Amino acid sequence: MYMNTTSLHVKIDTTIKEQAQKTADEFGLSLSAVVKVLLKQFIRTKRLSVELEENPNAYLRQSLKESEKDIKAGRVISFKTGKDALDYLTAEIENEKRRE
């Protein structure tokens, strides 16, 4: 059976290709097979799904710790609606103007 095929030439950073090849090898797949599967899924779903591992940097980790302390200490203001939040901000701006 003859299969009509074509080649796809993609320019990619050498390091990325090497890492992708290593990962494909770990799954027992060729890099070509991985690309074929990804393209078929893209065609079938008409979506591009990318998952990235989230690793917050030191600044974000510190900010989250501070936020947790503020929440536990009751130093937060919550709003039921976006309008409530905007009304609060409007009142704060007005109060600031009166203090000037």
N, C-alpha and C. Protein backbone atom coordinates (compact mmCIF):
# COMPACT_ATOMS: atom_id res chain seq x y z
N MET A 1 0.84 -1.18 0.00
CA MET A 1 0.00 0.00 0.00
C MET A 1 0.89 1.24 0.00
N TYR A 2 0.65 2.14 -0.93
CA TYR A 2 1.43 3.36 -1.05
C TYR A 2 0.83 4.44 -0.18
N MET A 3 1.66 5.07 0.65
CA MET A 3 1.20 6.15 1.52
C MET A 3 1.74 7.46 0.99
N ASN A 4 0.87 8.40 0.71
CA ASN A 4 1.27 9.70 0.22
C ASN A 4 1.79 10.52 1.39
N THR A 5 3.08 10.82 1.41
CA THR A 5 3.68 11.56 2.52
C THR A 5 4.45 12.75 1.99
N THR A 6 4.74 13.65 2.89
CA THR A 6 5.55 14.83 2.58
C THR A 6 6.46 15.09 3.76
N SER A 7 7.41 15.96 3.56
CA SER A 7 8.34 16.32 4.63
C SER A 7 7.96 17.68 5.20
N LEU A 8 8.26 17.84 6.45
CA LEU A 8 8.02 19.11 7.14
C LEU A 8 9.35 19.56 7.70
N HIS A 9 9.80 20.72 7.29
CA HIS A 9 11.08 21.25 7.77
C HIS A 9 10.77 22.34 8.79
N VAL A 10 11.27 22.17 10.01
CA VAL A 10 11.01 23.12 11.08
C VAL A 10 12.34 23.60 11.65
N LYS A 11 12.51 24.90 11.73
CA LYS A 11 13.71 25.44 12.36
C LYS A 11 13.42 25.58 13.85
N ILE A 12 14.31 24.99 14.63
CA ILE A 12 14.11 24.99 16.08
C ILE A 12 15.47 25.00 16.76
N ASP A 13 15.53 25.58 17.91
CA ASP A 13 16.75 25.64 18.69
C ASP A 13 17.28 24.22 18.93
N THR A 14 18.56 24.05 18.78
CA THR A 14 19.19 22.73 18.91
C THR A 14 18.89 22.10 20.27
N THR A 15 18.96 22.90 21.31
CA THR A 15 18.71 22.38 22.66
C THR A 15 17.30 21.85 22.81
N ILE A 16 16.34 22.57 22.24
CA ILE A 16 14.94 22.13 22.32
C ILE A 16 14.77 20.81 21.58
N LYS A 17 15.37 20.70 20.40
CA LYS A 17 15.27 19.46 19.64
C LYS A 17 15.88 18.29 20.42
N GLU A 18 17.04 18.53 21.00
CA GLU A 18 17.70 17.47 21.76
C GLU A 18 16.86 17.03 22.97
N GLN A 19 16.29 18.01 23.66
CA GLN A 19 15.44 17.69 24.82
C GLN A 19 14.18 16.94 24.39
N ALA A 20 13.60 17.38 23.27
CA ALA A 20 12.39 16.71 22.76
C ALA A 20 12.72 15.29 22.33
N GLN A 21 13.86 15.11 21.68
CA GLN A 21 14.28 13.78 21.24
C GLN A 21 14.48 12.86 22.44
N LYS A 22 15.12 13.38 23.48
CA LYS A 22 15.36 12.60 24.70
C LYS A 22 14.02 12.18 25.33
N THR A 23 13.09 13.12 25.41
CA THR A 23 11.78 12.81 25.99
C THR A 23 11.04 11.79 25.14
N ALA A 24 11.07 11.96 23.83
CA ALA A 24 10.42 10.99 22.92
C ALA A 24 11.03 9.61 23.11
N ASP A 25 12.36 9.55 23.21
CA ASP A 25 13.05 8.28 23.42
C ASP A 25 12.59 7.61 24.71
N GLU A 26 12.39 8.40 25.76
CA GLU A 26 11.92 7.86 27.04
C GLU A 26 10.55 7.19 26.90
N PHE A 27 9.75 7.67 25.95
CA PHE A 27 8.44 7.08 25.69
C PHE A 27 8.50 5.99 24.62
N GLY A 28 9.69 5.76 24.10
CA GLY A 28 9.85 4.76 23.06
C GLY A 28 9.31 5.21 21.72
N LEU A 29 9.31 6.52 21.49
CA LEU A 29 8.78 7.08 20.26
C LEU A 29 9.86 7.83 19.51
N SER A 30 9.66 7.94 18.21
CA SER A 30 10.53 8.81 17.43
C SER A 30 9.98 10.23 17.54
N LEU A 31 10.84 11.18 17.30
CA LEU A 31 10.40 12.57 17.32
C LEU A 31 9.38 12.81 16.20
N SER A 32 9.56 12.14 15.09
CA SER A 32 8.61 12.23 13.99
C SER A 32 7.22 11.75 14.42
N ALA A 33 7.17 10.64 15.16
CA ALA A 33 5.89 10.12 15.63
C ALA A 33 5.21 11.10 16.58
N VAL A 34 6.00 11.75 17.44
CA VAL A 34 5.44 12.73 18.37
C VAL A 34 4.81 13.89 17.60
N VAL A 35 5.53 14.40 16.61
CA VAL A 35 5.02 15.52 15.82
C VAL A 35 3.74 15.12 15.08
N LYS A 36 3.72 13.90 14.51
CA LYS A 36 2.52 13.42 13.81
C LYS A 36 1.32 13.38 14.73
N VAL A 37 1.52 12.84 15.94
CA VAL A 37 0.42 12.75 16.90
C VAL A 37 -0.08 14.14 17.28
N LEU A 38 0.86 15.05 17.54
CA LEU A 38 0.46 16.40 17.91
C LEU A 38 -0.31 17.09 16.79
N LEU A 39 0.14 16.93 15.56
CA LEU A 39 -0.57 17.54 14.43
C LEU A 39 -1.96 16.93 14.23
N LYS A 40 -2.06 15.60 14.36
CA LYS A 40 -3.37 14.95 14.22
C LYS A 40 -4.34 15.41 15.31
N GLN A 41 -3.83 15.54 16.54
CA GLN A 41 -4.68 16.02 17.64
C GLN A 41 -5.10 17.46 17.37
N PHE A 42 -4.19 18.29 16.88
CA PHE A 42 -4.48 19.68 16.55
C PHE A 42 -5.59 19.78 15.50
N ILE A 43 -5.51 18.93 14.48
CA ILE A 43 -6.52 18.91 13.43
C ILE A 43 -7.87 18.44 13.99
N ARG A 44 -7.84 17.35 14.75
CA ARG A 44 -9.07 16.76 15.27
C ARG A 44 -9.80 17.68 16.25
N THR A 45 -9.05 18.31 17.17
CA THR A 45 -9.68 19.11 18.23
C THR A 45 -9.78 20.59 17.88
N LYS A 46 -8.99 21.02 16.88
CA LYS A 46 -8.90 22.43 16.53
C LYS A 46 -8.50 23.26 17.76
N ARG A 47 -7.66 22.65 18.57
CA ARG A 47 -7.15 23.30 19.78
C ARG A 47 -5.67 22.98 19.93
N LEU A 48 -4.99 23.89 20.56
CA LEU A 48 -3.59 23.66 20.89
C LEU A 48 -3.49 23.69 22.41
N SER A 49 -3.21 22.56 22.98
CA SER A 49 -3.15 22.44 24.43
C SER A 49 -1.70 22.32 24.88
N VAL A 50 -1.29 23.25 25.71
CA VAL A 50 0.06 23.26 26.22
C VAL A 50 0.00 23.34 27.74
N GLU A 51 0.69 22.43 28.38
CA GLU A 51 0.76 22.45 29.83
C GLU A 51 2.16 22.81 30.25
N LEU A 52 2.24 23.75 31.14
CA LEU A 52 3.53 24.16 31.66
C LEU A 52 3.55 23.94 33.16
N GLU A 53 4.63 23.43 33.64
CA GLU A 53 4.78 23.26 35.08
C GLU A 53 4.95 24.64 35.69
N GLU A 54 4.18 24.92 36.72
CA GLU A 54 4.25 26.22 37.36
C GLU A 54 5.23 26.17 38.51
N ASN A 55 6.27 26.97 38.40
CA ASN A 55 7.26 27.09 39.46
C ASN A 55 7.40 28.57 39.79
N PRO A 56 6.71 29.02 40.84
CA PRO A 56 6.79 30.45 41.17
C PRO A 56 8.22 30.84 41.58
N ASN A 57 8.61 32.03 41.16
CA ASN A 57 9.94 32.52 41.53
C ASN A 57 9.94 32.98 42.99
N ALA A 58 11.10 33.36 43.49
CA ALA A 58 11.25 33.74 44.90
C ALA A 58 10.34 34.92 45.26
N TYR A 59 10.25 35.90 44.36
CA TYR A 59 9.41 37.07 44.63
C TYR A 59 7.94 36.67 44.79
N LEU A 60 7.44 35.82 43.91
CA LEU A 60 6.05 35.39 43.99
C LEU A 60 5.80 34.55 45.24
N ARG A 61 6.75 33.66 45.57
CA ARG A 61 6.60 32.84 46.79
C ARG A 61 6.50 33.73 48.03
N GLN A 62 7.34 34.76 48.09
CA GLN A 62 7.31 35.69 49.23
C GLN A 62 6.00 36.47 49.25
N SER A 63 5.54 36.91 48.09
CA SER A 63 4.26 37.64 48.01
C SER A 63 3.10 36.77 48.47
N LEU A 64 3.12 35.49 48.09
CA LEU A 64 2.06 34.58 48.52
C LEU A 64 2.08 34.37 50.02
N LYS A 65 3.26 34.26 50.62
CA LYS A 65 3.37 34.11 52.07
C LYS A 65 2.80 35.34 52.78
N GLU A 66 3.14 36.52 52.27
CA GLU A 66 2.63 37.76 52.84
C GLU A 66 1.11 37.84 52.71
N SER A 67 0.59 37.42 51.56
CA SER A 67 -0.86 37.42 51.35
C SER A 67 -1.56 36.49 52.33
N GLU A 68 -0.97 35.30 52.54
CA GLU A 68 -1.55 34.36 53.50
C GLU A 68 -1.58 34.95 54.90
N LYS A 69 -0.52 35.66 55.31
CA LYS A 69 -0.48 36.31 56.62
C LYS A 69 -1.57 37.38 56.71
N ASP A 70 -1.72 38.17 55.65
CA ASP A 70 -2.74 39.22 55.63
C ASP A 70 -4.14 38.62 55.76
N ILE A 71 -4.38 37.53 55.07
CA ILE A 71 -5.70 36.88 55.13
C ILE A 71 -5.96 36.37 56.54
N LYS A 72 -4.99 35.69 57.15
CA LYS A 72 -5.15 35.16 58.50
C LYS A 72 -5.35 36.27 59.52
N ALA A 73 -4.70 37.42 59.29
CA ALA A 73 -4.81 38.55 60.22
C ALA A 73 -6.05 39.40 59.95
N GLY A 74 -6.81 39.07 58.91
CA GLY A 74 -8.02 39.83 58.60
C GLY A 74 -7.75 41.17 57.93
N ARG A 75 -6.59 41.31 57.30
CA ARG A 75 -6.24 42.57 56.64
C ARG A 75 -6.61 42.54 55.16
N VAL A 76 -7.79 42.03 54.86
CA VAL A 76 -8.25 41.97 53.48
C VAL A 76 -9.68 42.49 53.40
N ILE A 77 -10.05 42.93 52.24
CA ILE A 77 -11.41 43.38 51.98
C ILE A 77 -11.94 42.52 50.84
N SER A 78 -13.12 41.95 51.04
CA SER A 78 -13.74 41.13 50.01
C SER A 78 -14.97 41.83 49.45
N PHE A 79 -15.26 41.54 48.20
CA PHE A 79 -16.41 42.13 47.54
C PHE A 79 -17.24 41.03 46.90
N LYS A 80 -18.56 41.19 46.95
CA LYS A 80 -19.44 40.19 46.34
C LYS A 80 -19.53 40.38 44.84
N THR A 81 -19.39 41.62 44.38
CA THR A 81 -19.51 41.89 42.95
C THR A 81 -18.42 42.85 42.51
N GLY A 82 -18.22 42.92 41.23
CA GLY A 82 -17.28 43.88 40.68
C GLY A 82 -17.73 45.31 40.95
N LYS A 83 -19.03 45.53 40.92
CA LYS A 83 -19.58 46.86 41.21
C LYS A 83 -19.24 47.28 42.62
N ASP A 84 -19.35 46.35 43.57
CA ASP A 84 -18.99 46.66 44.96
C ASP A 84 -17.53 47.09 45.05
N ALA A 85 -16.65 46.41 44.33
CA ALA A 85 -15.23 46.75 44.35
C ALA A 85 -15.00 48.15 43.76
N LEU A 86 -15.68 48.44 42.64
CA LEU A 86 -15.53 49.75 42.01
C LEU A 86 -16.09 50.86 42.90
N ASP A 87 -17.22 50.60 43.55
CA ASP A 87 -17.79 51.58 44.47
C ASP A 87 -16.82 51.87 45.61
N TYR A 88 -16.18 50.82 46.14
CA TYR A 88 -15.20 50.99 47.21
C TYR A 88 -14.02 51.85 46.73
N LEU A 89 -13.51 51.54 45.55
CA LEU A 89 -12.38 52.31 45.02
C LEU A 89 -12.76 53.76 44.75
N THR A 90 -13.95 53.99 44.25
CA THR A 90 -14.42 55.35 44.01
C THR A 90 -14.48 56.13 45.32
N ALA A 91 -15.00 55.50 46.37
CA ALA A 91 -15.08 56.15 47.68
C ALA A 91 -13.68 56.43 48.22
N GLU A 92 -12.75 55.52 48.05
CA GLU A 92 -11.37 55.72 48.50
C GLU A 92 -10.73 56.90 47.77
N ILE A 93 -10.97 57.01 46.47
CA ILE A 93 -10.42 58.12 45.69
C ILE A 93 -11.00 59.44 46.17
N GLU A 94 -12.30 59.45 46.40
CA GLU A 94 -12.95 60.66 46.90
C GLU A 94 -12.39 61.05 48.26
N ASN A 95 -12.20 60.08 49.15
CA ASN A 95 -11.64 60.36 50.47
C ASN A 95 -10.22 60.91 50.34
N GLU A 96 -9.44 60.38 49.44
CA GLU A 96 -8.07 60.84 49.21
C GLU A 96 -8.08 62.29 48.73
N LYS A 97 -8.99 62.62 47.83
CA LYS A 97 -9.09 64.00 47.31
C LYS A 97 -9.45 64.98 48.42
N ARG A 98 -10.32 64.57 49.34
CA ARG A 98 -10.73 65.45 50.46
C ARG A 98 -9.57 65.71 51.41
N ARG A 99 -8.66 64.74 51.53
CA ARG A 99 -7.51 64.89 52.43
C ARG A 99 -6.45 65.82 51.89
N GLU A 100 -6.45 66.04 50.59
CA GLU A 100 -5.42 66.90 49.95
C GLU A 100 -5.62 68.34 50.24
